[in-house]
Amino acid sequence: MQQQNDYTIDLEDKVLSLKRRIREMKMIMSGELPDGRKEPTLNIPQQRVPTHSDIDELKAKLLGRK
């Protein structure tokens, strides 16, 4: 009986911990802090990744082929 009671208490602690972690992650994802403040965000523009043809053009230019 004691072992089952310990298991139930342990399970309840795990559920409460999981609920707390889910709530914290939701607050982090929304940018809100527990005291109601908003987390500042940065808008960084996406940079264009050079393609293989861009690299070939640059290589040709540097080697004096163009």
C-alpha atoms as a PDB file:
ATOM      1  CA  MET A   1       0.000   0.000   0.000  1.00  0.00           C
ATOM      2  CA  GLN A   2       2.823   2.392   0.911  1.00  0.00           C
ATOM      3  CA  GLN A   3       4.584   1.677  -2.399  1.00  0.00           C
ATOM      4  CA  GLN A   4       1.420   2.467  -4.358  1.00  0.00           C
ATOM      5  CA  ASN A   5       0.938   5.672  -2.351  1.00  0.00           C
ATOM      6  CA  ASP A   6       4.543   6.723  -3.082  1.00  0.00           C
ATOM      7  CA  TYR A   7       4.006   5.955  -6.766  1.00  0.00           C
ATOM      8  CA  THR A   8       0.838   8.098  -6.839  1.00  0.00           C
ATOM      9  CA  ILE A   9       2.574  11.028  -5.149  1.00  0.00           C
ATOM     10  CA  ASP A  10       5.547  10.702  -7.530  1.00  0.00           C
ATOM     11  CA  LEU A  11       3.178  10.619 -10.502  1.00  0.00           C
ATOM     12  CA  GLU A  12       1.343  13.726  -9.276  1.00  0.00           C
ATOM     13  CA  ASP A  13       4.681  15.542  -8.917  1.00  0.00           C
ATOM     14  CA  LYS A  14       5.640  14.581 -12.463  1.00  0.00           C
ATOM     15  CA  VAL A  15       2.311  15.837 -13.829  1.00  0.00           C
ATOM     16  CA  LEU A  16       2.659  19.152 -11.978  1.00  0.00           C
ATOM     17  CA  SER A  17       6.239  19.521 -13.193  1.00  0.00           C
ATOM     18  CA  LEU A  18       5.195  18.806 -16.778  1.00  0.00           C
ATOM     19  CA  LYS A  19       2.335  21.323 -16.603  1.00  0.00           C
ATOM     20  CA  ARG A  20       4.727  23.944 -15.207  1.00  0.00           C
ATOM     21  CA  ARG A  21       7.264  23.294 -17.976  1.00  0.00           C
ATOM     22  CA  ILE A  22       4.559  23.524 -20.660  1.00  0.00           C
ATOM     23  CA  ARG A  23       3.334  26.828 -19.192  1.00  0.00           C
ATOM     24  CA  GLU A  24       6.894  28.198 -19.089  1.00  0.00           C
ATOM     25  CA  MET A  25       7.548  27.175 -22.704  1.00  0.00           C
ATOM     26  CA  LYS A  26       4.299  28.815 -23.844  1.00  0.00           C
ATOM     27  CA  MET A  27       5.372  32.035 -22.113  1.00  0.00           C
ATOM     28  CA  ILE A  28       8.807  31.849 -23.732  1.00  0.00           C
ATOM     29  CA  MET A  29       7.306  31.216 -27.177  1.00  0.00           C
ATOM     30  CA  SER A  30       4.898  34.141 -26.827  1.00  0.00           C
ATOM     31  CA  GLY A  31       7.647  36.408 -25.473  1.00  0.00           C
ATOM     32  CA  GLU A  32       5.887  37.155 -22.198  1.00  0.00           C
ATOM     33  CA  LEU A  33       7.660  37.065 -18.875  1.00  0.00           C
ATOM     34  CA  PRO A  34       5.909  35.877 -15.678  1.00  0.00           C
ATOM     35  CA  ASP A  35       5.481  39.453 -14.417  1.00  0.00           C
ATOM     36  CA  GLY A  36       3.639  40.499 -17.607  1.00  0.00           C
ATOM     37  CA  ARG A  37       6.527  42.222 -19.374  1.00  0.00           C
ATOM     38  CA  LYS A  38       7.280  41.441 -23.004  1.00  0.00           C
ATOM     39  CA  GLU A  39      10.621  40.034 -24.088  1.00  0.00           C
ATOM     40  CA  PRO A  40      12.284  42.297 -26.678  1.00  0.00           C
ATOM     41  CA  THR A  41      12.605  40.814 -30.156  1.00  0.00           C
ATOM     42  CA  LEU A  42      15.040  41.462 -32.972  1.00  0.00           C
ATOM     43  CA  ASN A  43      14.016  41.489 -36.616  1.00  0.00           C
ATOM     44  CA  ILE A  44      17.103  40.330 -38.491  1.00  0.00           C
ATOM     45  CA  PRO A  45      16.651  40.247 -42.260  1.00  0.00           C
ATOM     46  CA  GLN A  46      17.422  36.962 -43.983  1.00  0.00           C
ATOM     47  CA  GLN A  47      20.644  37.029 -45.960  1.00  0.00           C
ATOM     48  CA  ARG A  48      20.815  35.510 -49.402  1.00  0.00           C
ATOM     49  CA  VAL A  49      22.922  32.365 -49.494  1.00  0.00           C
ATOM     50  CA  PRO A  50      25.250  32.333 -52.507  1.00  0.00           C
ATOM     51  CA  THR A  51      24.410  29.642 -55.036  1.00  0.00           C
ATOM     52  CA  HIS A  52      26.932  27.537 -56.901  1.00  0.00           C
ATOM     53  CA  SER A  53      26.656  29.728 -60.014  1.00  0.00           C
ATOM     54  CA  ASP A  54      27.367  32.859 -57.926  1.00  0.00           C
ATOM     55  CA  ILE A  55      30.495  31.216 -56.580  1.00  0.00           C
ATOM     56  CA  ASP A  56      31.606  30.215 -60.097  1.00  0.00           C
ATOM     57  CA  GLU A  57      31.071  33.784 -61.343  1.00  0.00           C
ATOM     58  CA  LEU A  58      33.094  35.191 -58.453  1.00  0.00           C
ATOM     59  CA  LYS A  59      35.849  32.639 -59.007  1.00  0.00           C
ATOM     60  CA  ALA A  60      36.015  33.493 -62.718  1.00  0.00           C
ATOM     61  CA  LYS A  61      36.116  37.191 -61.922  1.00  0.00           C
ATOM     62  CA  LEU A  62      38.928  36.738 -59.402  1.00  0.00           C
ATOM     63  CA  LEU A  63      40.931  34.583 -61.801  1.00  0.00           C
ATOM     64  CA  GLY A  64      40.521  37.173 -64.558  1.00  0.00           C
ATOM     65  CA  ARG A  65      38.423  35.039 -66.882  1.00  0.00           C
ATOM     66  CA  LYS A  66      35.725  37.698 -67.241  1.00  0.00           C
END
